PDB file of N, CA and C in Angstrom:
ATOM      1  N   MET A   1      43.099  55.173  42.439  1.00  0.00           N
ATOM      2  CA  MET A   1      42.314  56.236  43.067  1.00  0.00           C
ATOM      3  C   MET A   1      42.125  55.974  44.569  1.00  0.00           C
ATOM      4  N   THR A   2      42.013  54.719  44.954  1.00  0.00           N
ATOM      5  CA  THR A   2      41.728  54.414  46.355  1.00  0.00           C
ATOM      6  C   THR A   2      42.815  54.950  47.287  1.00  0.00           C
ATOM      7  N   THR A   3      44.083  54.725  46.968  1.00  0.00           N
ATOM      8  CA  THR A   3      45.161  55.179  47.831  1.00  0.00           C
ATOM      9  C   THR A   3      45.170  56.695  47.939  1.00  0.00           C
ATOM     10  N   GLU A   4      45.052  57.395  46.822  1.00  0.00           N
ATOM     11  CA  GLU A   4      45.005  58.865  46.843  1.00  0.00           C
ATOM     12  C   GLU A   4      43.790  59.358  47.608  1.00  0.00           C
ATOM     13  N   ALA A   5      42.640  58.759  47.375  1.00  0.00           N
ATOM     14  CA  ALA A   5      41.417  59.166  48.068  1.00  0.00           C
ATOM     15  C   ALA A   5      41.553  58.931  49.560  1.00  0.00           C
ATOM     16  N   ASP A   6      42.061  57.771  49.935  1.00  0.00           N
ATOM     17  CA  ASP A   6      42.237  57.436  51.347  1.00  0.00           C
ATOM     18  C   ASP A   6      43.120  58.471  52.034  1.00  0.00           C
ATOM     19  N   LEU A   7      44.266  58.756  51.460  1.00  0.00           N
ATOM     20  CA  LEU A   7      45.190  59.719  52.050  1.00  0.00           C
ATOM     21  C   LEU A   7      44.582  61.114  52.101  1.00  0.00           C
ATOM     22  N   SER A   8      43.967  61.542  51.009  1.00  0.00           N
ATOM     23  CA  SER A   8      43.371  62.880  50.955  1.00  0.00           C
ATOM     24  C   SER A   8      42.266  63.050  51.986  1.00  0.00           C
ATOM     25  N   ILE A   9      41.430  62.045  52.135  1.00  0.00           N
ATOM     26  CA  ILE A   9      40.320  62.126  53.100  1.00  0.00           C
ATOM     27  C   ILE A   9      40.859  62.089  54.530  1.00  0.00           C
ATOM     28  N   ARG A  10      41.838  61.262  54.800  1.00  0.00           N
ATOM     29  CA  ARG A  10      42.429  61.231  56.148  1.00  0.00           C
ATOM     30  C   ARG A  10      43.095  62.570  56.491  1.00  0.00           C
ATOM     31  N   LEU A  11      43.752  63.186  55.512  1.00  0.00           N
ATOM     32  CA  LEU A  11      44.353  64.508  55.745  1.00  0.00           C
ATOM     33  C   LEU A  11      43.271  65.569  55.969  1.00  0.00           C
ATOM     34  N   ALA A  12      42.196  65.493  55.190  1.00  0.00           N
ATOM     35  CA  ALA A  12      41.091  66.443  55.370  1.00  0.00           C
ATOM     36  C   ALA A  12      40.444  66.253  56.740  1.00  0.00           C
ATOM     37  N   ARG A  13      40.289  65.013  57.168  1.00  0.00           N
ATOM     38  CA  ARG A  13      39.703  64.746  58.490  1.00  0.00           C
ATOM     39  C   ARG A  13      40.625  65.279  59.588  1.00  0.00           C
ATOM     40  N   ALA A  14      41.929  65.117  59.433  1.00  0.00           N
ATOM     41  CA  ALA A  14      42.874  65.650  60.422  1.00  0.00           C
ATOM     42  C   ALA A  14      42.760  67.174  60.492  1.00  0.00           C
ATOM     43  N   ALA A  15      42.598  67.829  59.347  1.00  0.00           N
ATOM     44  CA  ALA A  15      42.425  69.289  59.324  1.00  0.00           C
ATOM     45  C   ALA A  15      41.123  69.671  60.012  1.00  0.00           C
ATOM     46  N   PHE A  16      40.071  68.893  59.781  1.00  0.00           N
ATOM     47  CA  PHE A  16      38.773  69.156  60.418  1.00  0.00           C
ATOM     48  C   PHE A  16      38.906  69.011  61.940  1.00  0.00           C
ATOM     49  N   ASN A  17      39.576  67.954  62.393  1.00  0.00           N
ATOM     50  CA  ASN A  17      39.777  67.751  63.832  1.00  0.00           C
ATOM     51  C   ASN A  17      40.548  68.915  64.452  1.00  0.00           C
ATOM     52  N   ARG A  18      41.618  69.349  63.774  1.00  0.00           N
ATOM     53  CA  ARG A  18      42.391  70.497  64.284  1.00  0.00           C
ATOM     54  C   ARG A  18      41.514  71.741  64.350  1.00  0.00           C
ATOM     55  N   ALA A  19      40.710  71.952  63.320  1.00  0.00           N
ATOM     56  CA  ALA A  19      39.833  73.121  63.281  1.00  0.00           C
ATOM     57  C   ALA A  19      38.813  73.086  64.414  1.00  0.00           C
ATOM     58  N   LEU A  20      38.288  71.914  64.724  1.00  0.00           N
ATOM     59  CA  LEU A  20      37.369  71.796  65.858  1.00  0.00           C
ATOM     60  C   LEU A  20      38.075  72.128  67.164  1.00  0.00           C
ATOM     61  N   ALA A  21      39.274  71.631  67.348  1.00  0.00           N
ATOM     62  CA  ALA A  21      40.028  71.888  68.581  1.00  0.00           C
ATOM     63  C   ALA A  21      40.376  73.365  68.724  1.00  0.00           C
ATOM     64  N   GLU A  22      40.617  74.027  67.589  1.00  0.00           N
ATOM     65  CA  GLU A  22      41.041  75.429  67.606  1.00  0.00           C
ATOM     66  C   GLU A  22      39.893  76.409  67.356  1.00  0.00           C
ATOM     67  N   ALA A  23      38.656  75.909  67.267  1.00  0.00           N
ATOM     68  CA  ALA A  23      37.475  76.742  66.991  1.00  0.00           C
ATOM     69  C   ALA A  23      37.680  77.571  65.721  1.00  0.00           C
ATOM     70  N   ASP A  24      38.110  76.924  64.667  1.00  0.00           N
ATOM     71  CA  ASP A  24      38.484  77.573  63.416  1.00  0.00           C
ATOM     72  C   ASP A  24      37.426  77.342  62.333  1.00  0.00           C
ATOM     73  N   LEU A  25      36.403  78.191  62.311  1.00  0.00           N
ATOM     74  CA  LEU A  25      35.323  78.058  61.333  1.00  0.00           C
ATOM     75  C   LEU A  25      35.815  78.236  59.900  1.00  0.00           C
ATOM     76  N   ALA A  26      36.830  79.061  59.696  1.00  0.00           N
ATOM     77  CA  ALA A  26      37.341  79.322  58.349  1.00  0.00           C
ATOM     78  C   ALA A  26      37.919  78.065  57.707  1.00  0.00           C
ATOM     79  N   THR A  27      38.443  77.157  58.506  1.00  0.00           N
ATOM     80  CA  THR A  27      38.960  75.900  57.969  1.00  0.00           C
ATOM     81  C   THR A  27      37.841  74.884  57.773  1.00  0.00           C
ATOM     82  N   ILE A  28      36.863  74.897  58.656  1.00  0.00           N
ATOM     83  CA  ILE A  28      35.757  73.934  58.557  1.00  0.00           C
ATOM     84  C   ILE A  28      34.916  74.177  57.303  1.00  0.00           C
ATOM     85  N   GLY A  29      34.607  75.424  57.007  1.00  0.00           N
ATOM     86  CA  GLY A  29      33.718  75.768  55.890  1.00  0.00           C
ATOM     87  C   GLY A  29      34.035  75.059  54.581  1.00  0.00           C
ATOM     88  N   PRO A  30      35.260  75.175  54.058  1.00  0.00           N
ATOM     89  CA  PRO A  30      35.575  74.554  52.769  1.00  0.00           C
ATOM     90  C   PRO A  30      35.571  73.025  52.783  1.00  0.00           C
ATOM     91  N   LEU A  31      35.613  72.426  53.962  1.00  0.00           N
ATOM     92  CA  LEU A  31      35.576  70.963  54.044  1.00  0.00           C
ATOM     93  C   LEU A  31      34.151  70.419  53.964  1.00  0.00           C
ATOM     94  N   LEU A  32      33.166  71.305  54.042  1.00  0.00           N
ATOM     95  CA  LEU A  32      31.760  70.912  53.966  1.00  0.00           C
ATOM     96  C   LEU A  32      31.178  71.291  52.610  1.00  0.00           C
ATOM     97  N   ALA A  33      30.492  70.355  51.971  1.00  0.00           N
ATOM     98  CA  ALA A  33      29.774  70.667  50.740  1.00  0.00           C
ATOM     99  C   ALA A  33      28.667  71.671  51.072  1.00  0.00           C
ATOM    100  N   PRO A  34      28.251  72.483  50.121  1.00  0.00           N
ATOM    101  CA  PRO A  34      27.205  73.480  50.406  1.00  0.00           C
ATOM    102  C   PRO A  34      25.938  72.875  51.021  1.00  0.00           C
ATOM    103  N   ASP A  35      25.559  71.677  50.591  1.00  0.00           N
ATOM    104  CA  ASP A  35      24.339  71.033  51.096  1.00  0.00           C
ATOM    105  C   ASP A  35      24.647  69.901  52.078  1.00  0.00           C
ATOM    106  N   ALA A  36      25.784  69.970  52.752  1.00  0.00           N
ATOM    107  CA  ALA A  36      26.199  68.909  53.675  1.00  0.00           C
ATOM    108  C   ALA A  36      25.131  68.658  54.739  1.00  0.00           C
ATOM    109  N   ILE A  37      24.989  67.389  55.091  1.00  0.00           N
ATOM    110  CA  ILE A  37      24.003  66.960  56.090  1.00  0.00           C
ATOM    111  C   ILE A  37      24.735  66.284  57.239  1.00  0.00           C
ATOM    112  N   LEU A  38      24.348  66.603  58.468  1.00  0.00           N
ATOM    113  CA  LEU A  38      24.896  65.954  59.654  1.00  0.00           C
ATOM    114  C   LEU A  38      23.731  65.449  60.497  1.00  0.00           C
ATOM    115  N   VAL A  39      23.777  64.182  60.864  1.00  0.00           N
ATOM    116  CA  VAL A  39      22.790  63.595  61.770  1.00  0.00           C
ATOM    117  C   VAL A  39      23.524  63.315  63.074  1.00  0.00           C
ATOM    118  N   THR A  40      23.106  63.987  64.151  1.00  0.00           N
ATOM    119  CA  THR A  40      23.804  63.875  65.429  1.00  0.00           C
ATOM    120  C   THR A  40      23.615  62.491  66.041  1.00  0.00           C
ATOM    121  N   GLY A  41      24.507  62.161  66.975  1.00  0.00           N
ATOM    122  CA  GLY A  41      24.568  60.817  67.522  1.00  0.00           C
ATOM    123  C   GLY A  41      23.533  60.458  68.555  1.00  0.00           C
ATOM    124  N   THR A  42      23.111  61.405  69.360  1.00  0.00           N
ATOM    125  CA  THR A  42      22.228  61.067  70.470  1.00  0.00           C
ATOM    126  C   THR A  42      20.759  61.238  70.121  1.00  0.00           C
ATOM    127  N   ASP A  43      20.399  62.428  69.643  1.00  0.00           N
ATOM    128  CA  ASP A  43      18.977  62.682  69.381  1.00  0.00           C
ATOM    129  C   ASP A  43      18.617  62.660  67.902  1.00  0.00           C
ATOM    130  N   SER A  44      19.579  62.321  67.045  1.00  0.00           N
ATOM    131  CA  SER A  44      19.381  62.260  65.596  1.00  0.00           C
ATOM    132  C   SER A  44      18.890  63.578  65.014  1.00  0.00           C
ATOM    133  N   ALA A  45      19.297  64.690  65.616  1.00  0.00           N
ATOM    134  CA  ALA A  45      18.969  65.998  65.051  1.00  0.00           C
ATOM    135  C   ALA A  45      19.629  66.113  63.687  1.00  0.00           C
ATOM    136  N   LEU A  46      18.941  66.733  62.753  1.00  0.00           N
ATOM    137  CA  LEU A  46      19.442  66.915  61.397  1.00  0.00           C
ATOM    138  C   LEU A  46      19.911  68.357  61.241  1.00  0.00           C
ATOM    139  N   ILE A  47      21.172  68.522  60.891  1.00  0.00           N
ATOM    140  CA  ILE A  47      21.714  69.850  60.605  1.00  0.00           C
ATOM    141  C   ILE A  47      22.027  69.857  59.121  1.00  0.00           C
ATOM    142  N   SER A  48      21.258  70.627  58.365  1.00  0.00           N
ATOM    143  CA  SER A  48      21.311  70.575  56.915  1.00  0.00           C
ATOM    144  C   SER A  48      21.930  71.843  56.329  1.00  0.00           C
ATOM    145  N   GLY A  49      22.998  71.663  55.569  1.00  0.00           N
ATOM    146  CA  GLY A  49      23.651  72.761  54.879  1.00  0.00           C
ATOM    147  C   GLY A  49      24.889  73.265  55.599  1.00  0.00           C
ATOM    148  N   ARG A  50      25.848  73.733  54.799  1.00  0.00           N
ATOM    149  CA  ARG A  50      27.100  74.262  55.342  1.00  0.00           C
ATOM    150  C   ARG A  50      26.845  75.404  56.317  1.00  0.00           C
ATOM    151  N   LYS A  51      25.979  76.351  55.932  1.00  0.00           N
ATOM    152  CA  LYS A  51      25.723  77.514  56.791  1.00  0.00           C
ATOM    153  C   LYS A  51      25.154  77.093  58.143  1.00  0.00           C
ATOM    154  N   ALA A  52      24.223  76.163  58.138  1.00  0.00           N
ATOM    155  CA  ALA A  52      23.619  75.697  59.393  1.00  0.00           C
ATOM    156  C   ALA A  52      24.662  74.996  60.258  1.00  0.00           C
ATOM    157  N   GLN A  53      25.539  74.216  59.637  1.00  0.00           N
ATOM    158  CA  GLN A  53      26.566  73.527  60.414  1.00  0.00           C
ATOM    159  C   GLN A  53      27.574  74.514  60.999  1.00  0.00           C
ATOM    160  N   LEU A  54      27.960  75.508  60.218  1.00  0.00           N
ATOM    161  CA  LEU A  54      28.895  76.509  60.742  1.00  0.00           C
ATOM    162  C   LEU A  54      28.272  77.285  61.903  1.00  0.00           C
ATOM    163  N   LEU A  55      26.982  77.562  61.806  1.00  0.00           N
ATOM    164  CA  LEU A  55      26.289  78.238  62.907  1.00  0.00           C
ATOM    165  C   LEU A  55      26.256  77.349  64.150  1.00  0.00           C
ATOM    166  N   ALA A  56      26.000  76.069  63.966  1.00  0.00           N
ATOM    167  CA  ALA A  56      25.986  75.127  65.094  1.00  0.00           C
ATOM    168  C   ALA A  56      27.369  75.050  65.736  1.00  0.00           C
ATOM    169  N   TRP A  57      28.426  74.998  64.913  1.00  0.00           N
ATOM    170  CA  TRP A  57      29.778  74.956  65.475  1.00  0.00           C
ATOM    171  C   TRP A  57      30.115  76.259  66.192  1.00  0.00           C
ATOM    172  N   LYS A  58      29.670  77.363  65.645  1.00  0.00           N
ATOM    173  CA  LYS A  58      29.916  78.657  66.304  1.00  0.00           C
ATOM    174  C   LYS A  58      29.302  78.662  67.706  1.00  0.00           C
ATOM    175  N   ARG A  59      28.086  78.135  67.830  1.00  0.00           N
ATOM    176  CA  ARG A  59      27.445  78.029  69.151  1.00  0.00           C
ATOM    177  C   ARG A  59      28.231  77.088  70.061  1.00  0.00           C
ATOM    178  N   GLU A  60      28.666  75.951  69.516  1.00  0.00           N
ATOM    179  CA  GLU A  60      29.465  75.001  70.305  1.00  0.00           C
ATOM    180  C   GLU A  60      30.749  75.660  70.810  1.00  0.00           C
ATOM    181  N   PHE A  61      31.401  76.421  69.947  1.00  0.00           N
ATOM    182  CA  PHE A  61      32.669  77.042  70.308  1.00  0.00           C
ATOM    183  C   PHE A  61      32.496  78.094  71.401  1.00  0.00           C
ATOM    184  N   ALA A  62      31.307  78.655  71.537  1.00  0.00           N
ATOM    185  CA  ALA A  62      31.048  79.695  72.534  1.00  0.00           C
ATOM    186  C   ALA A  62      30.646  79.131  73.898  1.00  0.00           C
ATOM    187  N   ALA A  63      30.452  77.830  73.990  1.00  0.00           N
ATOM    188  CA  ALA A  63      30.016  77.218  75.252  1.00  0.00           C
ATOM    189  C   ALA A  63      31.078  77.403  76.336  1.00  0.00           C
ATOM    190  N   PRO A  64      30.646  77.650  77.581  1.00  0.00           N
ATOM    191  CA  PRO A  64      31.609  77.833  78.671  1.00  0.00           C
ATOM    192  C   PRO A  64      32.501  76.607  78.899  1.00  0.00           C
ATOM    193  N   GLU A  65      31.927  75.431  78.850  1.00  0.00           N
ATOM    194  CA  GLU A  65      32.706  74.189  78.915  1.00  0.00           C
ATOM    195  C   GLU A  65      32.610  73.521  77.550  1.00  0.00           C
ATOM    196  N   ARG A  66      33.500  73.933  76.671  1.00  0.00           N
ATOM    197  CA  ARG A  66      33.434  73.509  75.285  1.00  0.00           C
ATOM    198  C   ARG A  66      33.847  72.059  75.122  1.00  0.00           C
ATOM    199  N   VAL A  67      33.048  71.320  74.358  1.00  0.00           N
ATOM    200  CA  VAL A  67      33.356  69.934  74.026  1.00  0.00           C
ATOM    201  C   VAL A  67      34.289  69.941  72.815  1.00  0.00           C
ATOM    202  N   ILE A  68      35.363  69.188  72.907  1.00  0.00           N
ATOM    203  CA  ILE A  68      36.276  69.013  71.777  1.00  0.00           C
ATOM    204  C   ILE A  68      35.967  67.655  71.162  1.00  0.00           C
ATOM    205  N   TYR A  69      35.485  67.686  69.934  1.00  0.00           N
ATOM    206  CA  TYR A  69      35.139  66.457  69.229  1.00  0.00           C
ATOM    207  C   TYR A  69      36.302  66.036  68.338  1.00  0.00           C
ATOM    208  N   THR A  70      36.551  64.740  68.309  1.00  0.00           N
ATOM    209  CA  THR A  70      37.588  64.177  67.452  1.00  0.00           C
ATOM    210  C   THR A  70      37.015  62.966  66.731  1.00  0.00           C
ATOM    211  N   ARG A  71      37.249  62.942  65.430  1.00  0.00           N
ATOM    212  CA  ARG A  71      36.862  61.779  64.630  1.00  0.00           C
ATOM    213  C   ARG A  71      38.130  61.030  64.252  1.00  0.00           C
ATOM    214  N   THR A  72      38.104  59.717  64.375  1.00  0.00           N
ATOM    215  CA  THR A  72      39.262  58.901  64.027  1.00  0.00           C
ATOM    216  C   THR A  72      38.849  57.904  62.949  1.00  0.00           C
ATOM    217  N   PRO A  73      39.285  58.135  61.711  1.00  0.00           N
ATOM    218  CA  PRO A  73      38.915  57.207  60.641  1.00  0.00           C
ATOM    219  C   PRO A  73      39.569  55.850  60.831  1.00  0.00           C
ATOM    220  N   GLU A  74      38.772  54.803  60.627  1.00  0.00           N
ATOM    221  CA  GLU A  74      39.304  53.442  60.672  1.00  0.00           C
ATOM    222  C   GLU A  74      39.478  52.878  59.274  1.00  0.00           C
ATOM    223  N   ARG A  75      38.594  53.286  58.358  1.00  0.00           N
ATOM    224  CA  ARG A  75      38.773  52.883  56.964  1.00  0.00           C
ATOM    225  C   ARG A  75      38.074  53.869  56.045  1.00  0.00           C
ATOM    226  N   VAL A  76      38.616  53.974  54.864  1.00  0.00           N
ATOM    227  CA  VAL A  76      38.057  54.817  53.811  1.00  0.00           C
ATOM    228  C   VAL A  76      37.881  53.927  52.588  1.00  0.00           C
ATOM    229  N   ILE A  77      36.675  53.952  52.036  1.00  0.00           N
ATOM    230  CA  ILE A  77      36.358  53.137  50.865  1.00  0.00           C
ATOM    231  C   ILE A  77      35.986  54.085  49.733  1.00  0.00           C
ATOM    232  N   ALA A  78      36.778  54.090  48.674  1.00  0.00           N
ATOM    233  CA  ALA A  78      36.527  54.969  47.534  1.00  0.00           C
ATOM    234  C   ALA A  78      35.811  54.204  46.424  1.00  0.00           C
ATOM    235  N   SER A  79      34.884  54.876  45.773  1.00  0.00           N
ATOM    236  CA  SER A  79      34.184  54.300  44.629  1.00  0.00           C
ATOM    237  C   SER A  79      35.121  54.246  43.426  1.00  0.00           C
ATOM    238  N   SER A  80      34.990  53.207  42.637  1.00  0.00           N
ATOM    239  CA  SER A  80      35.776  53.113  41.404  1.00  0.00           C
ATOM    240  C   SER A  80      35.022  53.701  40.211  1.00  0.00           C
ATOM    241  N   VAL A  81      33.760  54.115  40.419  1.00  0.00           N
ATOM    242  CA  VAL A  81      32.971  54.624  39.297  1.00  0.00           C
ATOM    243  C   VAL A  81      32.557  56.099  39.456  1.00  0.00           C
ATOM    244  N   GLU A  82      32.666  56.639  40.642  1.00  0.00           N
ATOM    245  CA  GLU A  82      32.302  58.035  40.906  1.00  0.00           C
ATOM    246  C   GLU A  82      33.339  58.639  41.846  1.00  0.00           C
ATOM    247  N   PRO A  83      33.461  59.962  41.865  1.00  0.00           N
ATOM    248  CA  PRO A  83      34.428  60.606  42.774  1.00  0.00           C
ATOM    249  C   PRO A  83      33.847  60.767  44.182  1.00  0.00           C
ATOM    250  N   ILE A  84      33.501  59.628  44.785  1.00  0.00           N
ATOM    251  CA  ILE A  84      32.891  59.619  46.115  1.00  0.00           C
ATOM    252  C   ILE A  84      33.564  58.556  46.972  1.00  0.00           C
ATOM    253  N   ALA A  85      33.429  58.703  48.290  1.00  0.00           N
ATOM    254  CA  ALA A  85      34.022  57.735  49.212  1.00  0.00           C
ATOM    255  C   ALA A  85      33.262  57.756  50.527  1.00  0.00           C
ATOM    256  N   PHE A  86      33.342  56.640  51.236  1.00  0.00           N
ATOM    257  CA  PHE A  86      32.823  56.532  52.600  1.00  0.00           C
ATOM    258  C   PHE A  86      34.000  56.469  53.566  1.00  0.00           C
ATOM    259  N   GLU A  87      33.852  57.152  54.679  1.00  0.00           N
ATOM    260  CA  GLU A  87      34.814  57.080  55.779  1.00  0.00           C
ATOM    261  C   GLU A  87      34.064  56.488  56.973  1.00  0.00           C
ATOM    262  N   HIS A  88      34.641  55.480  57.589  1.00  0.00           N
ATOM    263  CA  HIS A  88      34.051  54.863  58.780  1.00  0.00           C
ATOM    264  C   HIS A  88      35.052  54.994  59.916  1.00  0.00           C
ATOM    265  N   GLY A  89      34.544  55.284  61.115  1.00  0.00           N
ATOM    266  CA  GLY A  89      35.458  55.395  62.233  1.00  0.00           C
ATOM    267  C   GLY A  89      34.757  55.586  63.555  1.00  0.00           C
ATOM    268  N   THR A  90      35.519  56.071  64.517  1.00  0.00           N
ATOM    269  CA  THR A  90      34.994  56.337  65.848  1.00  0.00           C
ATOM    270  C   THR A  90      35.137  57.824  66.150  1.00  0.00           C
ATOM    271  N   TRP A  91      34.302  58.303  67.064  1.00  0.00           N
ATOM    272  CA  TRP A  91      34.364  59.705  67.477  1.00  0.00           C
ATOM    273  C   TRP A  91      34.310  59.763  68.998  1.00  0.00           C
ATOM    274  N   GLN A  92      34.770  60.906  69.516  1.00  0.00           N
ATOM    275  CA  GLN A  92      34.642  61.147  70.948  1.00  0.00           C
ATOM    276  C   GLN A  92      34.502  62.638  71.200  1.00  0.00           C
ATOM    277  N   GLY A  93      33.836  62.945  72.308  1.00  0.00           N
ATOM    278  CA  GLY A  93      33.697  64.315  72.778  1.00  0.00           C
ATOM    279  C   GLY A  93      34.316  64.414  74.159  1.00  0.00           C
ATOM    280  N   VAL A  94      35.224  65.376  74.333  1.00  0.00           N
ATOM    281  CA  VAL A  94      35.973  65.524  75.580  1.00  0.00           C
ATOM    282  C   VAL A  94      35.819  66.950  76.092  1.00  0.00           C
ATOM    283  N   VAL A  95      35.601  67.075  77.408  1.00  0.00           N
ATOM    284  CA  VAL A  95      35.586  68.373  78.086  1.00  0.00           C
ATOM    285  C   VAL A  95      36.630  68.315  79.188  1.00  0.00           C
ATOM    286  N   CYS A  96      37.603  69.213  79.131  1.00  0.00           N
ATOM    287  CA  CYS A  96      38.649  69.264  80.171  1.00  0.00           C
ATOM    288  C   CYS A  96      39.252  67.886  80.442  1.00  0.00           C
ATOM    289  N   ASP A  97      39.657  67.196  79.400  1.00  0.00           N
ATOM    290  CA  ASP A  97      40.273  65.866  79.504  1.00  0.00           C
ATOM    291  C   ASP A  97      39.346  64.788  80.057  1.00  0.00           C
ATOM    292  N   ARG A  98      38.038  65.054  80.066  1.00  0.00           N
ATOM    293  CA  ARG A  98      37.057  64.079  80.555  1.00  0.00           C
ATOM    294  C   ARG A  98      36.166  63.657  79.389  1.00  0.00           C
ATOM    295  N   LEU A  99      36.177  62.365  79.058  1.00  0.00           N
ATOM    296  CA  LEU A  99      35.341  61.836  77.984  1.00  0.00           C
ATOM    297  C   LEU A  99      33.876  61.947  78.399  1.00  0.00           C
ATOM    298  N   ILE A 100      33.061  62.609  77.576  1.00  0.00           N
ATOM    299  CA  ILE A 100      31.636  62.727  77.905  1.00  0.00           C
ATOM    300  C   ILE A 100      30.743  61.938  76.961  1.00  0.00           C
ATOM    301  N   ALA A 101      31.257  61.601  75.784  1.00  0.00           N
ATOM    302  CA  ALA A 101      30.472  60.811  74.833  1.00  0.00           C
ATOM    303  C   ALA A 101      31.412  60.258  73.769  1.00  0.00           C
ATOM    304  N   SER A 102      31.001  59.131  73.176  1.00  0.00           N
ATOM    305  CA  SER A 102      31.782  58.559  72.084  1.00  0.00           C
ATOM    306  C   SER A 102      30.905  57.592  71.302  1.00  0.00           C
ATOM    307  N   GLY A 103      31.407  57.183  70.151  1.00  0.00           N
ATOM    308  CA  GLY A 103      30.653  56.248  69.340  1.00  0.00           C
ATOM    309  C   GLY A 103      31.280  56.023  67.982  1.00  0.00           C
ATOM    310  N   ASP A 104      30.437  55.635  67.039  1.00  0.00           N
ATOM    311  CA  ASP A 104      30.857  55.363  65.671  1.00  0.00           C
ATOM    312  C   ASP A 104      30.262  56.419  64.735  1.00  0.00           C
ATOM    313  N   TYR A 105      30.876  56.541  63.552  1.00  0.00           N
ATOM    314  CA  TYR A 105      30.346  57.465  62.546  1.00  0.00           C
ATOM    315  C   TYR A 105      30.662  56.953  61.150  1.00  0.00           C
ATOM    316  N   THR A 106      29.917  57.466  60.207  1.00  0.00           N
ATOM    317  CA  THR A 106      30.162  57.262  58.788  1.00  0.00           C
ATOM    318  C   THR A 106      30.023  58.605  58.103  1.00  0.00           C
ATOM    319  N   ALA A 107      30.942  58.890  57.206  1.00  0.00           N
ATOM    320  CA  ALA A 107      30.884  60.140  56.441  1.00  0.00           C
ATOM    321  C   ALA A 107      30.988  59.817  54.957  1.00  0.00           C
ATOM    322  N   LYS A 108      30.194  60.524  54.155  1.00  0.00           N
ATOM    323  CA  LYS A 108      30.290  60.407  52.703  1.00  0.00           C
ATOM    324  C   LYS A 108      31.011  61.640  52.184  1.00  0.00           C
ATOM    325  N   TRP A 109      32.028  61.425  51.400  1.00  0.00           N
ATOM    326  CA  TRP A 109      32.844  62.493  50.824  1.00  0.00           C
ATOM    327  C   TRP A 109      32.668  62.519  49.310  1.00  0.00           C
ATOM    328  N   ARG A 110      32.814  63.711  48.722  1.00  0.00           N
ATOM    329  CA  ARG A 110      32.788  63.860  47.264  1.00  0.00           C
ATOM    330  C   ARG A 110      33.979  64.718  46.856  1.00  0.00           C
ATOM    331  N   GLN A 111      34.654  64.271  45.805  1.00  0.00           N
ATOM    332  CA  GLN A 111      35.780  65.030  45.287  1.00  0.00           C
ATOM    333  C   GLN A 111      35.278  66.097  44.333  1.00  0.00           C
ATOM    334  N   ALA A 112      35.737  67.328  44.542  1.00  0.00           N
ATOM    335  CA  ALA A 112      35.418  68.454  43.665  1.00  0.00           C
ATOM    336  C   ALA A 112      36.746  69.079  43.264  1.00  0.00           C
ATOM    337  N   GLY A 113      37.184  68.812  42.041  1.00  0.00           N
ATOM    338  CA  GLY A 113      38.523  69.233  41.647  1.00  0.00           C
ATOM    339  C   GLY A 113      39.526  68.404  42.427  1.00  0.00           C
ATOM    340  N   ALA A 114      40.468  69.061  43.084  1.00  0.00           N
ATOM    341  CA  ALA A 114      41.474  68.351  43.875  1.00  0.00           C
ATOM    342  C   ALA A 114      41.027  68.138  45.319  1.00  0.00           C
ATOM    343  N   ALA A 115      39.967  68.815  45.721  1.00  0.00           N
ATOM    344  CA  ALA A 115      39.531  68.781  47.128  1.00  0.00           C
ATOM    345  C   ALA A 115      38.437  67.746  47.364  1.00  0.00           C
ATOM    346  N   TRP A 116      38.433  67.205  48.578  1.00  0.00           N
ATOM    347  CA  TRP A 116      37.363  66.327  49.032  1.00  0.00           C
ATOM    348  C   TRP A 116      36.521  67.096  50.043  1.00  0.00           C
ATOM    349  N   MET A 117      35.189  67.002  49.901  1.00  0.00           N
ATOM    350  CA  MET A 117      34.264  67.689  50.808  1.00  0.00           C
ATOM    351  C   MET A 117      33.280  66.682  51.396  1.00  0.00           C
ATOM    352  N   ILE A 118      32.878  66.936  52.627  1.00  0.00           N
ATOM    353  CA  ILE A 118      31.908  66.088  53.303  1.00  0.00           C
ATOM    354  C   ILE A 118      30.503  66.424  52.788  1.00  0.00           C
ATOM    355  N   GLU A 119      29.804  65.397  52.314  1.00  0.00           N
ATOM    356  CA  GLU A 119      28.401  65.565  51.894  1.00  0.00           C
ATOM    357  C   GLU A 119      27.445  65.164  52.989  1.00  0.00           C
ATOM    358  N   ALA A 120      27.812  64.157  53.773  1.00  0.00           N
ATOM    359  CA  ALA A 120      26.907  63.677  54.814  1.00  0.00           C
ATOM    360  C   ALA A 120      27.709  62.978  55.905  1.00  0.00           C
ATOM    361  N   GLU A 121      27.234  63.128  57.139  1.00  0.00           N
ATOM    362  CA  GLU A 121      27.822  62.437  58.284  1.00  0.00           C
ATOM    363  C   GLU A 121      26.693  61.945  59.160  1.00  0.00           C
ATOM    364  N   VAL A 122      26.833  60.710  59.635  1.00  0.00           N
ATOM    365  CA  VAL A 122      25.859  60.130  60.562  1.00  0.00           C
ATOM    366  C   VAL A 122      26.629  59.596  61.761  1.00  0.00           C
ATOM    367  N   TYR A 123      26.189  59.984  62.951  1.00  0.00           N
ATOM    368  CA  TYR A 123      26.872  59.619  64.198  1.00  0.00           C
ATOM    369  C   TYR A 123      25.984  58.740  65.050  1.00  0.00           C
ATOM    370  N   LEU A 124      26.611  57.815  65.761  1.00  0.00           N
ATOM    371  CA  LEU A 124      25.934  56.927  66.698  1.00  0.00           C
ATOM    372  C   LEU A 124      26.625  57.069  68.046  1.00  0.00           C
ATOM    373  N   THR A 125      25.883  57.471  69.075  1.00  0.00           N
ATOM    374  CA  THR A 125      26.442  57.579  70.422  1.00  0.00           C
ATOM    375  C   THR A 125      26.366  56.217  71.088  1.00  0.00           C
ATOM    376  N   LEU A 126      27.511  55.723  71.567  1.00  0.00           N
ATOM    377  CA  LEU A 126      27.566  54.417  72.222  1.00  0.00           C
ATOM    378  C   LEU A 126      27.881  54.539  73.710  1.00  0.00           C
ATOM    379  N   THR A 127      28.584  55.597  74.114  1.00  0.00           N
ATOM    380  CA  THR A 127      28.881  55.825  75.535  1.00  0.00           C
ATOM    381  C   THR A 127      28.681  57.282  75.877  1.00  0.00           C
TER     382      THR A 127
END
């Protein structure tokens, strides 16, 4: 299960990154569990639920100088007893090829059928 989970989650994260770059809410939605939680990196704001996160991304996408966020997984650890996994990695926010923030993150994923969905993400701003 670990190899399949690792590959599936890395592919889902790549799709999420592309969707962020392309302002594609339709792709982001199914990657988030209905009750997904996001804790932001700088002020620890809590964005709770798929709908709230999609609304937050919609606002981000409308910004005049839009930040492009990218998450880069460094490791994925799958549970051997439940259809869940942790993804650990680094993130960055770029505006016009200029790095404005970066740090570490952890995401919890849950498998539902063949798909993996994000249940929770916690970000830490380091720069």
